[in-house]
PDB file of N, CA and C in Angstrom:
ATOM      1  N   MET A   1      56.813  -1.394  -3.073  1.00  0.00           N
ATOM      2  CA  MET A   1      56.084  -0.166  -2.837  1.00  0.00           C
ATOM      3  C   MET A   1      55.060   0.059  -3.951  1.00  0.00           C
ATOM      4  N   ILE A   2      55.427  -0.177  -5.189  1.00  0.00           N
ATOM      5  CA  ILE A   2      54.506  -0.014  -6.303  1.00  0.00           C
ATOM      6  C   ILE A   2      53.368  -1.017  -6.183  1.00  0.00           C
ATOM      7  N   SER A   3      53.666  -2.202  -5.736  1.00  0.00           N
ATOM      8  CA  SER A   3      52.649  -3.228  -5.565  1.00  0.00           C
ATOM      9  C   SER A   3      51.606  -2.787  -4.540  1.00  0.00           C
ATOM     10  N   LEU A   4      52.049  -2.164  -3.466  1.00  0.00           N
ATOM     11  CA  LEU A   4      51.115  -1.677  -2.453  1.00  0.00           C
ATOM     12  C   LEU A   4      50.227  -0.567  -3.010  1.00  0.00           C
ATOM     13  N   GLU A   5      50.820   0.310  -3.811  1.00  0.00           N
ATOM     14  CA  GLU A   5      50.041   1.386  -4.429  1.00  0.00           C
ATOM     15  C   GLU A   5      49.000   0.807  -5.389  1.00  0.00           C
ATOM     16  N   GLN A   6      49.388  -0.199  -6.148  1.00  0.00           N
ATOM     17  CA  GLN A   6      48.453  -0.832  -7.083  1.00  0.00           C
ATOM     18  C   GLN A   6      47.318  -1.522  -6.321  1.00  0.00           C
ATOM     19  N   GLU A   7      47.684  -2.178  -5.240  1.00  0.00           N
ATOM     20  CA  GLU A   7      46.678  -2.860  -4.429  1.00  0.00           C
ATOM     21  C   GLU A   7      45.721  -1.839  -3.799  1.00  0.00           C
ATOM     22  N   LYS A   8      46.284  -0.742  -3.325  1.00  0.00           N
ATOM     23  CA  LYS A   8      45.479   0.321  -2.742  1.00  0.00           C
ATOM     24  C   LYS A   8      44.519   0.889  -3.794  1.00  0.00           C
ATOM     25  N   TYR A   9      45.030   1.108  -4.995  1.00  0.00           N
ATOM     26  CA  TYR A   9      44.206   1.625  -6.081  1.00  0.00           C
ATOM     27  C   TYR A   9      43.089   0.636  -6.425  1.00  0.00           C
ATOM     28  N   ALA A  10      43.431  -0.645  -6.505  1.00  0.00           N
ATOM     29  CA  ALA A  10      42.446  -1.679  -6.831  1.00  0.00           C
ATOM     30  C   ALA A  10      41.369  -1.755  -5.742  1.00  0.00           C
ATOM     31  N   LEU A  11      41.796  -1.669  -4.501  1.00  0.00           N
ATOM     32  CA  LEU A  11      40.836  -1.708  -3.400  1.00  0.00           C
ATOM     33  C   LEU A  11      39.928  -0.471  -3.410  1.00  0.00           C
ATOM     34  N   ARG A  12      40.512   0.678  -3.744  1.00  0.00           N
ATOM     35  CA  ARG A  12      39.726   1.911  -3.820  1.00  0.00           C
ATOM     36  C   ARG A  12      38.662   1.786  -4.909  1.00  0.00           C
ATOM     37  N   ARG A  13      39.036   1.240  -6.050  1.00  0.00           N
ATOM     38  CA  ARG A  13      38.077   1.048  -7.151  1.00  0.00           C
ATOM     39  C   ARG A  13      36.970   0.075  -6.743  1.00  0.00           C
ATOM     40  N   LYS A  14      37.382  -0.990  -6.068  1.00  0.00           N
ATOM     41  CA  LYS A  14      36.400  -1.978  -5.620  1.00  0.00           C
ATOM     42  C   LYS A  14      35.428  -1.334  -4.625  1.00  0.00           C
ATOM     43  N   LEU A  15      35.966  -0.532  -3.705  1.00  0.00           N
ATOM     44  CA  LEU A  15      35.132   0.171  -2.735  1.00  0.00           C
ATOM     45  C   LEU A  15      34.181   1.130  -3.435  1.00  0.00           C
ATOM     46  N   ASP A  16      34.682   1.864  -4.411  1.00  0.00           N
ATOM     47  CA  ASP A  16      33.836   2.788  -5.166  1.00  0.00           C
ATOM     48  C   ASP A  16      32.707   2.045  -5.871  1.00  0.00           C
ATOM     49  N   ASN A  17      33.036   0.899  -6.467  1.00  0.00           N
ATOM     50  CA  ASN A  17      32.021   0.095  -7.145  1.00  0.00           C
ATOM     51  C   ASN A  17      30.960  -0.403  -6.157  1.00  0.00           C
ATOM     52  N   LEU A  18      31.427  -0.878  -5.010  1.00  0.00           N
ATOM     53  CA  LEU A  18      30.496  -1.368  -3.998  1.00  0.00           C
ATOM     54  C   LEU A  18      29.605  -0.251  -3.467  1.00  0.00           C
ATOM     55  N   GLU A  19      30.185   0.930  -3.288  1.00  0.00           N
ATOM     56  CA  GLU A  19      29.386   2.074  -2.840  1.00  0.00           C
ATOM     57  C   GLU A  19      28.331   2.434  -3.882  1.00  0.00           C
ATOM     58  N   GLY A  20      28.715   2.379  -5.143  1.00  0.00           N
ATOM     59  CA  GLY A  20      27.765   2.657  -6.224  1.00  0.00           C
ATOM     60  C   GLY A  20      26.630   1.641  -6.235  1.00  0.00           C
ATOM     61  N   GLU A  21      26.969   0.370  -6.079  1.00  0.00           N
ATOM     62  CA  GLU A  21      25.944  -0.671  -6.027  1.00  0.00           C
ATOM     63  C   GLU A  21      25.024  -0.448  -4.824  1.00  0.00           C
ATOM     64  N   TYR A  22      25.610  -0.119  -3.683  1.00  0.00           N
ATOM     65  CA  TYR A  22      24.849   0.127  -2.469  1.00  0.00           C
ATOM     66  C   TYR A  22      23.866   1.284  -2.667  1.00  0.00           C
ATOM     67  N   GLU A  23      24.361   2.372  -3.219  1.00  0.00           N
ATOM     68  CA  GLU A  23      23.504   3.534  -3.455  1.00  0.00           C
ATOM     69  C   GLU A  23      22.393   3.203  -4.442  1.00  0.00           C
ATOM     70  N   GLY A  24      22.718   2.398  -5.449  1.00  0.00           N
ATOM     71  CA  GLY A  24      21.705   1.972  -6.417  1.00  0.00           C
ATOM     72  C   GLY A  24      20.617   1.142  -5.755  1.00  0.00           C
ATOM     73  N   ARG A  25      21.015   0.226  -4.906  1.00  0.00           N
ATOM     74  CA  ARG A  25      20.037  -0.609  -4.199  1.00  0.00           C
ATOM     75  C   ARG A  25      19.185   0.228  -3.256  1.00  0.00           C
ATOM     76  N   VAL A  26      19.814   1.142  -2.559  1.00  0.00           N
ATOM     77  CA  VAL A  26      19.065   2.007  -1.642  1.00  0.00           C
ATOM     78  C   VAL A  26      18.025   2.799  -2.436  1.00  0.00           C
ATOM     79  N   SER A  27      18.418   3.318  -3.584  1.00  0.00           N
ATOM     80  CA  SER A  27      17.474   4.067  -4.425  1.00  0.00           C
ATOM     81  C   SER A  27      16.318   3.180  -4.878  1.00  0.00           C
ATOM     82  N   GLU A  28      16.627   1.950  -5.271  1.00  0.00           N
ATOM     83  CA  GLU A  28      15.584   1.013  -5.687  1.00  0.00           C
ATOM     84  C   GLU A  28      14.636   0.717  -4.534  1.00  0.00           C
ATOM     85  N   TYR A  29      15.193   0.479  -3.349  1.00  0.00           N
ATOM     86  CA  TYR A  29      14.365   0.172  -2.183  1.00  0.00           C
ATOM     87  C   TYR A  29      13.496   1.367  -1.796  1.00  0.00           C
ATOM     88  N   GLN A  30      14.050   2.563  -1.925  1.00  0.00           N
ATOM     89  CA  GLN A  30      13.257   3.755  -1.617  1.00  0.00           C
ATOM     90  C   GLN A  30      12.115   3.912  -2.614  1.00  0.00           C
ATOM     91  N   ALA A  31      12.393   3.637  -3.876  1.00  0.00           N
ATOM     92  CA  ALA A  31      11.336   3.712  -4.898  1.00  0.00           C
ATOM     93  C   ALA A  31      10.275   2.645  -4.629  1.00  0.00           C
ATOM     94  N   ASP A  32      10.716   1.436  -4.270  1.00  0.00           N
ATOM     95  CA  ASP A  32       9.772   0.368  -3.938  1.00  0.00           C
ATOM     96  C   ASP A  32       8.919   0.759  -2.734  1.00  0.00           C
ATOM     97  N   LEU A  33       9.558   1.327  -1.730  1.00  0.00           N
ATOM     98  CA  LEU A  33       8.840   1.745  -0.529  1.00  0.00           C
ATOM     99  C   LEU A  33       7.801   2.816  -0.855  1.00  0.00           C
ATOM    100  N   THR A  34       8.177   3.768  -1.673  1.00  0.00           N
ATOM    101  CA  THR A  34       7.246   4.823  -2.077  1.00  0.00           C
ATOM    102  C   THR A  34       6.056   4.222  -2.826  1.00  0.00           C
ATOM    103  N   ALA A  35       6.336   3.308  -3.738  1.00  0.00           N
ATOM    104  CA  ALA A  35       5.262   2.665  -4.505  1.00  0.00           C
ATOM    105  C   ALA A  35       4.351   1.850  -3.586  1.00  0.00           C
ATOM    106  N   LEU A  36       4.938   1.137  -2.637  1.00  0.00           N
ATOM    107  CA  LEU A  36       4.138   0.334  -1.717  1.00  0.00           C
ATOM    108  C   LEU A  36       3.292   1.210  -0.793  1.00  0.00           C
ATOM    109  N   LYS A  37       3.844   2.343  -0.365  1.00  0.00           N
ATOM    110  CA  LYS A  37       3.065   3.265   0.463  1.00  0.00           C
ATOM    111  C   LYS A  37       1.872   3.797  -0.310  1.00  0.00           C
ATOM    112  N   LYS A  38       2.088   4.129  -1.581  1.00  0.00           N
ATOM    113  CA  LYS A  38       0.991   4.623  -2.423  1.00  0.00           C
ATOM    114  C   LYS A  38      -0.062   3.532  -2.601  1.00  0.00           C
ATOM    115  N   GLU A  39       0.391   2.316  -2.859  1.00  0.00           N
ATOM    116  CA  GLU A  39      -0.542   1.207  -3.043  1.00  0.00           C
ATOM    117  C   GLU A  39      -1.348   0.959  -1.759  1.00  0.00           C
ATOM    118  N   LEU A  40      -0.677   1.011  -0.619  1.00  0.00           N
ATOM    119  CA  LEU A  40      -1.366   0.832   0.659  1.00  0.00           C
ATOM    120  C   LEU A  40      -2.403   1.932   0.858  1.00  0.00           C
ATOM    121  N   ASN A  41      -2.029   3.160   0.570  1.00  0.00           N
ATOM    122  CA  ASN A  41      -2.959   4.282   0.700  1.00  0.00           C
ATOM    123  C   ASN A  41      -4.167   4.096  -0.212  1.00  0.00           C
ATOM    124  N   ASP A  42      -3.913   3.680  -1.450  1.00  0.00           N
ATOM    125  CA  ASP A  42      -4.999   3.438  -2.401  1.00  0.00           C
ATOM    126  C   ASP A  42      -5.929   2.337  -1.891  1.00  0.00           C
ATOM    127  N   GLN A  43      -5.335   1.261  -1.362  1.00  0.00           N
ATOM    128  CA  GLN A  43      -6.127   0.149  -0.836  1.00  0.00           C
ATOM    129  C   GLN A  43      -6.962   0.593   0.365  1.00  0.00           C
ATOM    130  N   GLN A  44      -6.373   1.404   1.223  1.00  0.00           N
ATOM    131  CA  GLN A  44      -7.108   1.894   2.390  1.00  0.00           C
ATOM    132  C   GLN A  44      -8.265   2.790   1.964  1.00  0.00           C
ATOM    133  N   THR A  45      -8.030   3.627   0.974  1.00  0.00           N
ATOM    134  CA  THR A  45      -9.086   4.492   0.452  1.00  0.00           C
ATOM    135  C   THR A  45     -10.221   3.659  -0.136  1.00  0.00           C
ATOM    136  N   THR A  46      -9.867   2.643  -0.905  1.00  0.00           N
ATOM    137  CA  THR A  46     -10.867   1.760  -1.501  1.00  0.00           C
ATOM    138  C   THR A  46     -11.654   1.029  -0.425  1.00  0.00           C
ATOM    139  N   LEU A  47     -10.954   0.550   0.595  1.00  0.00           N
ATOM    140  CA  LEU A  47     -11.624  -0.154   1.688  1.00  0.00           C
ATOM    141  C   LEU A  47     -12.601   0.757   2.415  1.00  0.00           C
ATOM    142  N   LYS A  48     -12.204   1.994   2.675  1.00  0.00           N
ATOM    143  CA  LYS A  48     -13.107   2.953   3.333  1.00  0.00           C
ATOM    144  C   LYS A  48     -14.340   3.197   2.477  1.00  0.00           C
ATOM    145  N   GLN A  49     -14.141   3.307   1.174  1.00  0.00           N
ATOM    146  CA  GLN A  49     -15.268   3.529   0.263  1.00  0.00           C
ATOM    147  C   GLN A  49     -16.221   2.330   0.304  1.00  0.00           C
ATOM    148  N   TYR A  50     -15.681   1.120   0.269  1.00  0.00           N
ATOM    149  CA  TYR A  50     -16.516  -0.076   0.348  1.00  0.00           C
ATOM    150  C   TYR A  50     -17.266  -0.138   1.669  1.00  0.00           C
ATOM    151  N   GLU A  51     -16.591   0.225   2.747  1.00  0.00           N
ATOM    152  CA  GLU A  51     -17.235   0.216   4.062  1.00  0.00           C
ATOM    153  C   GLU A  51     -18.388   1.218   4.112  1.00  0.00           C
ATOM    154  N   ARG A  52     -18.198   2.394   3.530  1.00  0.00           N
ATOM    155  CA  ARG A  52     -19.280   3.383   3.475  1.00  0.00           C
ATOM    156  C   ARG A  52     -20.461   2.847   2.667  1.00  0.00           C
ATOM    157  N   GLU A  53     -20.154   2.258   1.499  1.00  0.00           N
ATOM    158  CA  GLU A  53     -21.208   1.700   0.655  1.00  0.00           C
ATOM    159  C   GLU A  53     -21.926   0.567   1.369  1.00  0.00           C
ATOM    160  N   LYS A  54     -21.182  -0.266   2.064  1.00  0.00           N
ATOM    161  CA  LYS A  54     -21.774  -1.379   2.808  1.00  0.00           C
ATOM    162  C   LYS A  54     -22.715  -0.845   3.890  1.00  0.00           C
ATOM    163  N   GLY A  55     -22.270   0.165   4.612  1.00  0.00           N
ATOM    164  CA  GLY A  55     -23.102   0.766   5.648  1.00  0.00           C
ATOM    165  C   GLY A  55     -24.382   1.346   5.077  1.00  0.00           C
ATOM    166  N   LYS A  56     -24.238   1.999   3.928  1.00  0.00           N
ATOM    167  CA  LYS A  56     -25.403   2.585   3.256  1.00  0.00           C
ATOM    168  C   LYS A  56     -26.391   1.490   2.847  1.00  0.00           C
ATOM    169  N   MET A  57     -25.869   0.414   2.287  1.00  0.00           N
ATOM    170  CA  MET A  57     -26.730  -0.686   1.848  1.00  0.00           C
ATOM    171  C   MET A  57     -27.428  -1.350   3.034  1.00  0.00           C
ATOM    172  N   VAL A  58     -26.702  -1.544   4.124  1.00  0.00           N
ATOM    173  CA  VAL A  58     -27.304  -2.141   5.322  1.00  0.00           C
ATOM    174  C   VAL A  58     -28.425  -1.251   5.832  1.00  0.00           C
ATOM    175  N   GLN A  59     -28.169   0.048   5.860  1.00  0.00           N
ATOM    176  CA  GLN A  59     -29.199   0.997   6.312  1.00  0.00           C
ATOM    177  C   GLN A  59     -30.421   0.940   5.405  1.00  0.00           C
ATOM    178  N   GLU A  60     -30.203   0.926   4.096  1.00  0.00           N
ATOM    179  CA  GLU A  60     -31.318   0.853   3.150  1.00  0.00           C
ATOM    180  C   GLU A  60     -32.110  -0.437   3.324  1.00  0.00           C
ATOM    181  N   LEU A  61     -31.409  -1.547   3.521  1.00  0.00           N
ATOM    182  CA  LEU A  61     -32.097  -2.829   3.704  1.00  0.00           C
ATOM    183  C   LEU A  61     -32.883  -2.858   5.014  1.00  0.00           C
ATOM    184  N   MET A  62     -32.326  -2.252   6.056  1.00  0.00           N
ATOM    185  CA  MET A  62     -33.049  -2.181   7.325  1.00  0.00           C
ATOM    186  C   MET A  62     -34.320  -1.355   7.175  1.00  0.00           C
ATOM    187  N   GLU A  63     -34.221  -0.227   6.468  1.00  0.00           N
ATOM    188  CA  GLU A  63     -35.395   0.615   6.244  1.00  0.00           C
ATOM    189  C   GLU A  63     -36.435  -0.113   5.406  1.00  0.00           C
ATOM    190  N   GLN A  64     -35.971  -0.804   4.369  1.00  0.00           N
ATOM    191  CA  GLN A  64     -36.882  -1.554   3.520  1.00  0.00           C
ATOM    192  C   GLN A  64     -37.552  -2.681   4.313  1.00  0.00           C
ATOM    193  N   ASN A  65     -36.781  -3.360   5.152  1.00  0.00           N
ATOM    194  CA  ASN A  65     -37.319  -4.426   5.980  1.00  0.00           C
ATOM    195  C   ASN A  65     -38.380  -3.883   6.934  1.00  0.00           C
ATOM    196  N   HIS A  66     -38.089  -2.739   7.529  1.00  0.00           N
ATOM    197  CA  HIS A  66     -39.046  -2.114   8.442  1.00  0.00           C
ATOM    198  C   HIS A  66     -40.332  -1.737   7.705  1.00  0.00           C
ATOM    199  N   ARG A  67     -40.170  -1.154   6.523  1.00  0.00           N
ATOM    200  CA  ARG A  67     -41.321  -0.744   5.714  1.00  0.00           C
ATOM    201  C   ARG A  67     -42.166  -1.966   5.330  1.00  0.00           C
ATOM    202  N   LEU A  68     -41.512  -3.035   4.906  1.00  0.00           N
ATOM    203  CA  LEU A  68     -42.238  -4.242   4.511  1.00  0.00           C
ATOM    204  C   LEU A  68     -42.915  -4.896   5.717  1.00  0.00           C
ATOM    205  N   THR A  69     -42.240  -4.867   6.849  1.00  0.00           N
ATOM    206  CA  THR A  69     -42.840  -5.421   8.065  1.00  0.00           C
ATOM    207  C   THR A  69     -44.090  -4.636   8.441  1.00  0.00           C
ATOM    208  N   THR A  70     -44.011  -3.320   8.329  1.00  0.00           N
ATOM    209  CA  THR A  70     -45.153  -2.455   8.619  1.00  0.00           C
ATOM    210  C   THR A  70     -46.295  -2.744   7.653  1.00  0.00           C
ATOM    211  N   GLU A  71     -45.982  -2.861   6.364  1.00  0.00           N
ATOM    212  CA  GLU A  71     -47.005  -3.165   5.358  1.00  0.00           C
ATOM    213  C   GLU A  71     -47.653  -4.523   5.636  1.00  0.00           C
ATOM    214  N   LEU A  72     -46.841  -5.500   5.973  1.00  0.00           N
ATOM    215  CA  LEU A  72     -47.361  -6.834   6.258  1.00  0.00           C
ATOM    216  C   LEU A  72     -48.276  -6.807   7.467  1.00  0.00           C
ATOM    217  N   LYS A  73     -47.886  -6.057   8.465  1.00  0.00           N
ATOM    218  CA  LYS A  73     -48.725  -5.934   9.664  1.00  0.00           C
ATOM    219  C   LYS A  73     -50.048  -5.261   9.328  1.00  0.00           C
ATOM    220  N   GLN A  74     -50.012  -4.224   8.468  1.00  0.00           N
ATOM    221  CA  GLN A  74     -51.241  -3.522   8.081  1.00  0.00           C
ATOM    222  C   GLN A  74     -52.170  -4.447   7.295  1.00  0.00           C
ATOM    223  N   VAL A  75     -51.597  -5.249   6.429  1.00  0.00           N
ATOM    224  CA  VAL A  75     -52.391  -6.174   5.616  1.00  0.00           C
ATOM    225  C   VAL A  75     -53.002  -7.258   6.518  1.00  0.00           C
ATOM    226  N   SER A  76     -52.243  -7.677   7.505  1.00  0.00           N
ATOM    227  CA  SER A  76     -52.709  -8.709   8.415  1.00  0.00           C
ATOM    228  C   SER A  76     -53.858  -8.231   9.282  1.00  0.00           C
ATOM    229  N   ASP A  77     -53.828  -6.934   9.601  1.00  0.00           N
ATOM    230  CA  ASP A  77     -54.869  -6.380  10.491  1.00  0.00           C
ATOM    231  C   ASP A  77     -56.110  -6.166   9.718  1.00  0.00           C
TER     232      ASP A  77
END
């Protein structure tokens, strides 16, 4: 009977330890997930900014090209 109680106690301690490890891992994974979500958000924000800048540059180059084409046509005439 004492042996069963000791075994039960040992198993309870082992279970408690495993639960603690599990909770620790879950906390780590949640922290990792939060960090990755922030990084993804930052990357998306940066990408949107680059896309806006790219669009602006394309527009400026198109306007400059049009202006130069017009000037070239005027000089040719």
